[in-house]
Amino acid sequence: MTALAIAAGLVGVVVWQANQIQTGASESESTATGPGLTVFLGSEGIELPAITGRTLSGRRLSLEEFGGHVVVLSIWSSSCEACRAEALDLAALKRETKPLGVRFVGIDVRDRPSDGRTFQRRAGLVDPSLDDSDGRVLDEIRGTVAVDSVPSTLLVDADGLIRARWVGKADAITLRDLIAEMDE
């Protein structure tokens, strides 16, 4: 009986959190398709704000550089276990979707740039990651992704509209399927 009450309580918390994260789209514009995943349907995606900053290597980067391409935007921290697992999945997905022109960009939160670069090197990531140790980059998308939730992943279409949002580790198979649908 106690286990059932605990399970019911946990389900309630998950539902409440999902409702809290649903800012930016109405019920008719989005559909939750799994734990932590929201897909924005039809023409009702959320416009990705203009995001610029310095990469972990010091280069200035604007996401506008990727206009016309599908972009997977991964928000991570080197101290996050789920981020490490997700990084391996995203690296494999990048190789698979390269012929489609999909771009991968990270936002490293909570780290010193040197820690972020070490994480990237160990995970085999060669994509640019914005240094967001001061929180300014993430402030640009506040309300779309909960600031304290890593990993989080946004799937952005070629027109700059957010089409999917994961809070927690993104499922690589679902992400691959969504990318394929955008390419059709």
C-alpha atoms as a PDB file:
ATOM      1  CA  MET A   1       0.000   0.000   0.000  1.00  0.00           C
ATOM      2  CA  THR A   2       2.856   2.408   0.893  1.00  0.00           C
ATOM      3  CA  ALA A   3       4.651   1.660  -2.398  1.00  0.00           C
ATOM      4  CA  LEU A   4       1.443   2.419  -4.306  1.00  0.00           C
ATOM      5  CA  ALA A   5       1.052   5.751  -2.501  1.00  0.00           C
ATOM      6  CA  ILE A   6       4.671   6.673  -3.225  1.00  0.00           C
ATOM      7  CA  ALA A   7       4.258   5.757  -6.903  1.00  0.00           C
ATOM      8  CA  ALA A   8       1.061   7.819  -7.159  1.00  0.00           C
ATOM      9  CA  GLY A   9       2.841  10.753  -5.528  1.00  0.00           C
ATOM     10  CA  LEU A  10       5.757  10.515  -7.965  1.00  0.00           C
ATOM     11  CA  VAL A  11       3.386  10.446 -10.936  1.00  0.00           C
ATOM     12  CA  GLY A  12       1.718  13.559  -9.562  1.00  0.00           C
ATOM     13  CA  VAL A  13       5.060  15.358  -9.267  1.00  0.00           C
ATOM     14  CA  VAL A  14       6.027  14.414 -12.839  1.00  0.00           C
ATOM     15  CA  VAL A  15       2.685  15.660 -14.194  1.00  0.00           C
ATOM     16  CA  TRP A  16       3.021  18.893 -12.220  1.00  0.00           C
ATOM     17  CA  GLN A  17       6.591  19.453 -13.521  1.00  0.00           C
ATOM     18  CA  ALA A  18       5.502  18.788 -17.101  1.00  0.00           C
ATOM     19  CA  ASN A  19       2.755  21.386 -16.734  1.00  0.00           C
ATOM     20  CA  GLN A  20       5.231  23.904 -15.309  1.00  0.00           C
ATOM     21  CA  ILE A  21       7.579  23.412 -18.280  1.00  0.00           C
ATOM     22  CA  GLN A  22       4.805  23.879 -20.861  1.00  0.00           C
ATOM     23  CA  THR A  23       5.387  27.658 -21.133  1.00  0.00           C
ATOM     24  CA  GLY A  24       5.556  28.988 -24.658  1.00  0.00           C
ATOM     25  CA  ALA A  25       2.829  26.890 -26.312  1.00  0.00           C
ATOM     26  CA  SER A  26      -0.806  26.156 -25.637  1.00  0.00           C
ATOM     27  CA  GLU A  27      -2.275  22.682 -25.196  1.00  0.00           C
ATOM     28  CA  SER A  28      -3.463  22.689 -28.823  1.00  0.00           C
ATOM     29  CA  GLU A  29       0.010  23.561 -30.110  1.00  0.00           C
ATOM     30  CA  SER A  30       2.026  20.882 -28.382  1.00  0.00           C
ATOM     31  CA  THR A  31       1.911  17.287 -27.387  1.00  0.00           C
ATOM     32  CA  ALA A  32       3.866  15.586 -24.655  1.00  0.00           C
ATOM     33  CA  THR A  33       5.098  12.323 -26.144  1.00  0.00           C
ATOM     34  CA  GLY A  34       7.174  10.931 -23.323  1.00  0.00           C
ATOM     35  CA  PRO A  35       8.871  11.813 -20.067  1.00  0.00           C
ATOM     36  CA  GLY A  36      10.481  15.211 -20.512  1.00  0.00           C
ATOM     37  CA  LEU A  37       9.623  15.500 -24.224  1.00  0.00           C
ATOM     38  CA  THR A  38       7.331  18.099 -25.779  1.00  0.00           C
ATOM     39  CA  VAL A  39       6.825  18.242 -29.545  1.00  0.00           C
ATOM     40  CA  PHE A  40       5.445  21.420 -31.113  1.00  0.00           C
ATOM     41  CA  LEU A  41       3.114  20.526 -33.959  1.00  0.00           C
ATOM     42  CA  GLY A  42       2.220  22.172 -37.266  1.00  0.00           C
ATOM     43  CA  SER A  43       3.210  25.784 -37.730  1.00  0.00           C
ATOM     44  CA  GLU A  44       3.119  26.507 -33.999  1.00  0.00           C
ATOM     45  CA  GLY A  45       6.773  26.028 -33.082  1.00  0.00           C
ATOM     46  CA  ILE A  46       8.469  28.456 -30.728  1.00  0.00           C
ATOM     47  CA  GLU A  47      10.831  30.921 -32.366  1.00  0.00           C
ATOM     48  CA  LEU A  48      14.389  30.433 -31.183  1.00  0.00           C
ATOM     49  CA  PRO A  49      15.714  33.773 -29.935  1.00  0.00           C
ATOM     50  CA  ALA A  50      18.903  35.223 -31.374  1.00  0.00           C
ATOM     51  CA  ILE A  51      21.598  33.480 -29.348  1.00  0.00           C
ATOM     52  CA  THR A  52      25.203  34.612 -29.484  1.00  0.00           C
ATOM     53  CA  GLY A  53      28.173  34.076 -27.252  1.00  0.00           C
ATOM     54  CA  ARG A  54      31.714  32.772 -26.993  1.00  0.00           C
ATOM     55  CA  THR A  55      32.477  29.129 -27.588  1.00  0.00           C
ATOM     56  CA  LEU A  56      34.609  27.149 -25.163  1.00  0.00           C
ATOM     57  CA  SER A  57      37.531  27.803 -27.515  1.00  0.00           C
ATOM     58  CA  GLY A  58      36.902  31.572 -27.412  1.00  0.00           C
ATOM     59  CA  ARG A  59      35.374  32.034 -30.867  1.00  0.00           C
ATOM     60  CA  ARG A  60      32.300  34.275 -31.190  1.00  0.00           C
ATOM     61  CA  LEU A  61      29.276  32.258 -32.372  1.00  0.00           C
ATOM     62  CA  SER A  62      25.754  33.201 -33.372  1.00  0.00           C
ATOM     63  CA  LEU A  63      23.138  30.516 -33.927  1.00  0.00           C
ATOM     64  CA  GLU A  64      22.002  32.588 -36.914  1.00  0.00           C
ATOM     65  CA  GLU A  65      25.057  31.091 -38.668  1.00  0.00           C
ATOM     66  CA  PHE A  66      23.095  27.832 -38.840  1.00  0.00           C
ATOM     67  CA  GLY A  67      20.019  29.331 -40.518  1.00  0.00           C
ATOM     68  CA  GLY A  68      18.553  27.021 -43.134  1.00  0.00           C
ATOM     69  CA  HIS A  69      19.701  23.920 -41.227  1.00  0.00           C
ATOM     70  CA  VAL A  70      18.089  21.711 -38.647  1.00  0.00           C
ATOM     71  CA  VAL A  71      19.921  22.294 -35.353  1.00  0.00           C
ATOM     72  CA  VAL A  72      20.181  20.063 -32.298  1.00  0.00           C
ATOM     73  CA  LEU A  73      20.904  22.366 -29.358  1.00  0.00           C
ATOM     74  CA  SER A  74      22.199  20.461 -26.334  1.00  0.00           C
ATOM     75  CA  ILE A  75      22.396  22.099 -22.904  1.00  0.00           C
ATOM     76  CA  TRP A  76      24.899  20.277 -20.696  1.00  0.00           C
ATOM     77  CA  SER A  77      27.373  20.387 -17.847  1.00  0.00           C
ATOM     78  CA  SER A  78      30.490  18.280 -17.397  1.00  0.00           C
ATOM     79  CA  SER A  79      29.425  17.305 -13.868  1.00  0.00           C
ATOM     80  CA  CYS A  80      26.156  15.765 -15.136  1.00  0.00           C
ATOM     81  CA  GLU A  81      26.105  11.954 -15.489  1.00  0.00           C
ATOM     82  CA  ALA A  82      23.131  11.997 -17.890  1.00  0.00           C
ATOM     83  CA  CYS A  83      24.937  14.624 -19.996  1.00  0.00           C
ATOM     84  CA  ARG A  84      27.876  12.251 -20.447  1.00  0.00           C
ATOM     85  CA  ALA A  85      25.589   9.450 -21.640  1.00  0.00           C
ATOM     86  CA  GLU A  86      23.676  11.800 -23.916  1.00  0.00           C
ATOM     87  CA  ALA A  87      26.900  13.179 -25.427  1.00  0.00           C
ATOM     88  CA  LEU A  88      27.822   9.732 -26.740  1.00  0.00           C
ATOM     89  CA  ASP A  89      24.349   9.304 -28.286  1.00  0.00           C
ATOM     90  CA  LEU A  90      24.468  12.762 -29.862  1.00  0.00           C
ATOM     91  CA  ALA A  91      27.941  12.131 -31.313  1.00  0.00           C
ATOM     92  CA  ALA A  92      26.649   8.953 -32.993  1.00  0.00           C
ATOM     93  CA  LEU A  93      23.521  10.737 -34.220  1.00  0.00           C
ATOM     94  CA  LYS A  94      25.643  13.527 -35.650  1.00  0.00           C
ATOM     95  CA  ARG A  95      27.585  11.044 -37.773  1.00  0.00           C
ATOM     96  CA  GLU A  96      24.334   9.478 -38.953  1.00  0.00           C
ATOM     97  CA  THR A  97      22.612  12.768 -39.856  1.00  0.00           C
ATOM     98  CA  LYS A  98      25.615  14.549 -41.354  1.00  0.00           C
ATOM     99  CA  PRO A  99      24.413  13.849 -44.937  1.00  0.00           C
ATOM    100  CA  LEU A 100      21.167  15.692 -44.052  1.00  0.00           C
ATOM    101  CA  GLY A 101      23.072  18.830 -43.044  1.00  0.00           C
ATOM    102  CA  VAL A 102      21.971  18.686 -39.403  1.00  0.00           C
ATOM    103  CA  ARG A 103      24.072  20.901 -37.127  1.00  0.00           C
ATOM    104  CA  PHE A 104      24.847  20.204 -33.461  1.00  0.00           C
ATOM    105  CA  VAL A 105      25.618  22.980 -30.987  1.00  0.00           C
ATOM    106  CA  GLY A 106      26.096  22.783 -27.226  1.00  0.00           C
ATOM    107  CA  ILE A 107      25.553  25.206 -24.398  1.00  0.00           C
ATOM    108  CA  ASP A 108      27.868  24.405 -21.489  1.00  0.00           C
ATOM    109  CA  VAL A 109      26.381  25.632 -18.218  1.00  0.00           C
ATOM    110  CA  ARG A 110      27.970  25.691 -14.755  1.00  0.00           C
ATOM    111  CA  ASP A 111      31.506  24.895 -15.950  1.00  0.00           C
ATOM    112  CA  ARG A 112      34.741  26.761 -16.290  1.00  0.00           C
ATOM    113  CA  PRO A 113      35.674  26.727 -20.008  1.00  0.00           C
ATOM    114  CA  SER A 114      38.669  24.452 -19.303  1.00  0.00           C
ATOM    115  CA  ASP A 115      36.364  21.838 -17.687  1.00  0.00           C
ATOM    116  CA  GLY A 116      34.000  22.072 -20.655  1.00  0.00           C
ATOM    117  CA  ARG A 117      36.833  21.584 -23.146  1.00  0.00           C
ATOM    118  CA  THR A 118      38.055  18.529 -21.211  1.00  0.00           C
ATOM    119  CA  PHE A 119      34.527  17.082 -21.273  1.00  0.00           C
ATOM    120  CA  GLN A 120      34.248  17.661 -25.020  1.00  0.00           C
ATOM    121  CA  ARG A 121      37.629  16.063 -25.710  1.00  0.00           C
ATOM    122  CA  ARG A 122      36.838  12.979 -23.601  1.00  0.00           C
ATOM    123  CA  ALA A 123      33.385  12.586 -25.168  1.00  0.00           C
ATOM    124  CA  GLY A 124      34.762  13.021 -28.692  1.00  0.00           C
ATOM    125  CA  LEU A 125      32.633  16.103 -29.347  1.00  0.00           C
ATOM    126  CA  VAL A 126      33.903  18.422 -32.048  1.00  0.00           C
ATOM    127  CA  ASP A 127      30.847  20.642 -32.320  1.00  0.00           C
ATOM    128  CA  PRO A 128      30.942  24.149 -30.959  1.00  0.00           C
ATOM    129  CA  SER A 129      29.631  24.675 -27.445  1.00  0.00           C
ATOM    130  CA  LEU A 130      28.826  28.086 -26.091  1.00  0.00           C
ATOM    131  CA  ASP A 131      30.366  28.930 -22.725  1.00  0.00           C
ATOM    132  CA  ASP A 132      27.466  29.826 -20.446  1.00  0.00           C
ATOM    133  CA  SER A 133      29.240  29.850 -17.110  1.00  0.00           C
ATOM    134  CA  ASP A 134      27.592  33.223 -16.381  1.00  0.00           C
ATOM    135  CA  GLY A 135      24.061  32.128 -17.395  1.00  0.00           C
ATOM    136  CA  ARG A 136      23.568  34.834 -20.050  1.00  0.00           C
ATOM    137  CA  VAL A 137      23.034  32.459 -22.974  1.00  0.00           C
ATOM    138  CA  LEU A 138      20.455  30.389 -21.123  1.00  0.00           C
ATOM    139  CA  ASP A 139      18.681  33.600 -20.073  1.00  0.00           C
ATOM    140  CA  GLU A 140      17.894  34.094 -23.769  1.00  0.00           C
ATOM    141  CA  ILE A 141      15.798  30.922 -23.811  1.00  0.00           C
ATOM    142  CA  ARG A 142      14.393  31.121 -20.269  1.00  0.00           C
ATOM    143  CA  GLY A 143      10.797  29.900 -20.310  1.00  0.00           C
ATOM    144  CA  THR A 144      11.590  27.468 -23.104  1.00  0.00           C
ATOM    145  CA  VAL A 145      14.001  25.355 -21.084  1.00  0.00           C
ATOM    146  CA  ALA A 146      14.123  25.311 -17.305  1.00  0.00           C
ATOM    147  CA  VAL A 147      17.444  26.900 -16.390  1.00  0.00           C
ATOM    148  CA  ASP A 148      18.441  24.259 -13.855  1.00  0.00           C
ATOM    149  CA  SER A 149      17.622  21.242 -16.025  1.00  0.00           C
ATOM    150  CA  VAL A 150      20.584  19.487 -17.595  1.00  0.00           C
ATOM    151  CA  PRO A 151      20.699  17.841 -19.897  1.00  0.00           C
ATOM    152  CA  SER A 152      18.087  19.591 -21.974  1.00  0.00           C
ATOM    153  CA  THR A 153      17.856  19.443 -25.747  1.00  0.00           C
ATOM    154  CA  LEU A 154      16.067  21.579 -28.317  1.00  0.00           C
ATOM    155  CA  LEU A 155      15.382  20.491 -31.883  1.00  0.00           C
ATOM    156  CA  VAL A 156      15.191  23.544 -34.132  1.00  0.00           C
ATOM    157  CA  ASP A 157      13.923  23.403 -37.716  1.00  0.00           C
ATOM    158  CA  ALA A 158      15.534  25.121 -40.709  1.00  0.00           C
ATOM    159  CA  ASP A 159      13.245  28.144 -40.193  1.00  0.00           C
ATOM    160  CA  GLY A 160      14.489  28.711 -36.635  1.00  0.00           C
ATOM    161  CA  LEU A 161      11.433  27.270 -34.865  1.00  0.00           C
ATOM    162  CA  ILE A 162      11.812  24.994 -31.868  1.00  0.00           C
ATOM    163  CA  ARG A 163       9.983  21.761 -32.772  1.00  0.00           C
ATOM    164  CA  ALA A 164      10.880  19.603 -29.792  1.00  0.00           C
ATOM    165  CA  ARG A 165      12.153  20.113 -26.275  1.00  0.00           C
ATOM    166  CA  TRP A 166      13.567  17.477 -23.933  1.00  0.00           C
ATOM    167  CA  VAL A 167      14.121  18.073 -20.258  1.00  0.00           C
ATOM    168  CA  GLY A 168      16.406  15.236 -19.264  1.00  0.00           C
ATOM    169  CA  LYS A 169      18.370  12.891 -21.505  1.00  0.00           C
ATOM    170  CA  ALA A 170      17.055  12.982 -25.065  1.00  0.00           C
ATOM    171  CA  ASP A 171      16.115   9.663 -26.616  1.00  0.00           C
ATOM    172  CA  ALA A 172      18.344   9.247 -29.693  1.00  0.00           C
ATOM    173  CA  ILE A 173      15.841   7.092 -31.598  1.00  0.00           C
ATOM    174  CA  THR A 174      13.020   9.599 -31.140  1.00  0.00           C
ATOM    175  CA  LEU A 175      15.350  12.472 -32.023  1.00  0.00           C
ATOM    176  CA  ARG A 176      16.440  10.650 -35.198  1.00  0.00           C
ATOM    177  CA  ASP A 177      12.791  10.084 -36.171  1.00  0.00           C
ATOM    178  CA  LEU A 178      11.912  13.758 -35.607  1.00  0.00           C
ATOM    179  CA  ILE A 179      14.894  14.879 -37.690  1.00  0.00           C
ATOM    180  CA  ALA A 180      13.814  12.514 -40.484  1.00  0.00           C
ATOM    181  CA  GLU A 181      10.287  13.988 -40.410  1.00  0.00           C
ATOM    182  CA  MET A 182      11.739  17.504 -40.781  1.00  0.00           C
ATOM    183  CA  ASP A 183      13.794  16.402 -43.762  1.00  0.00           C
ATOM    184  CA  GLU A 184      10.750  15.103 -45.664  1.00  0.00           C
END
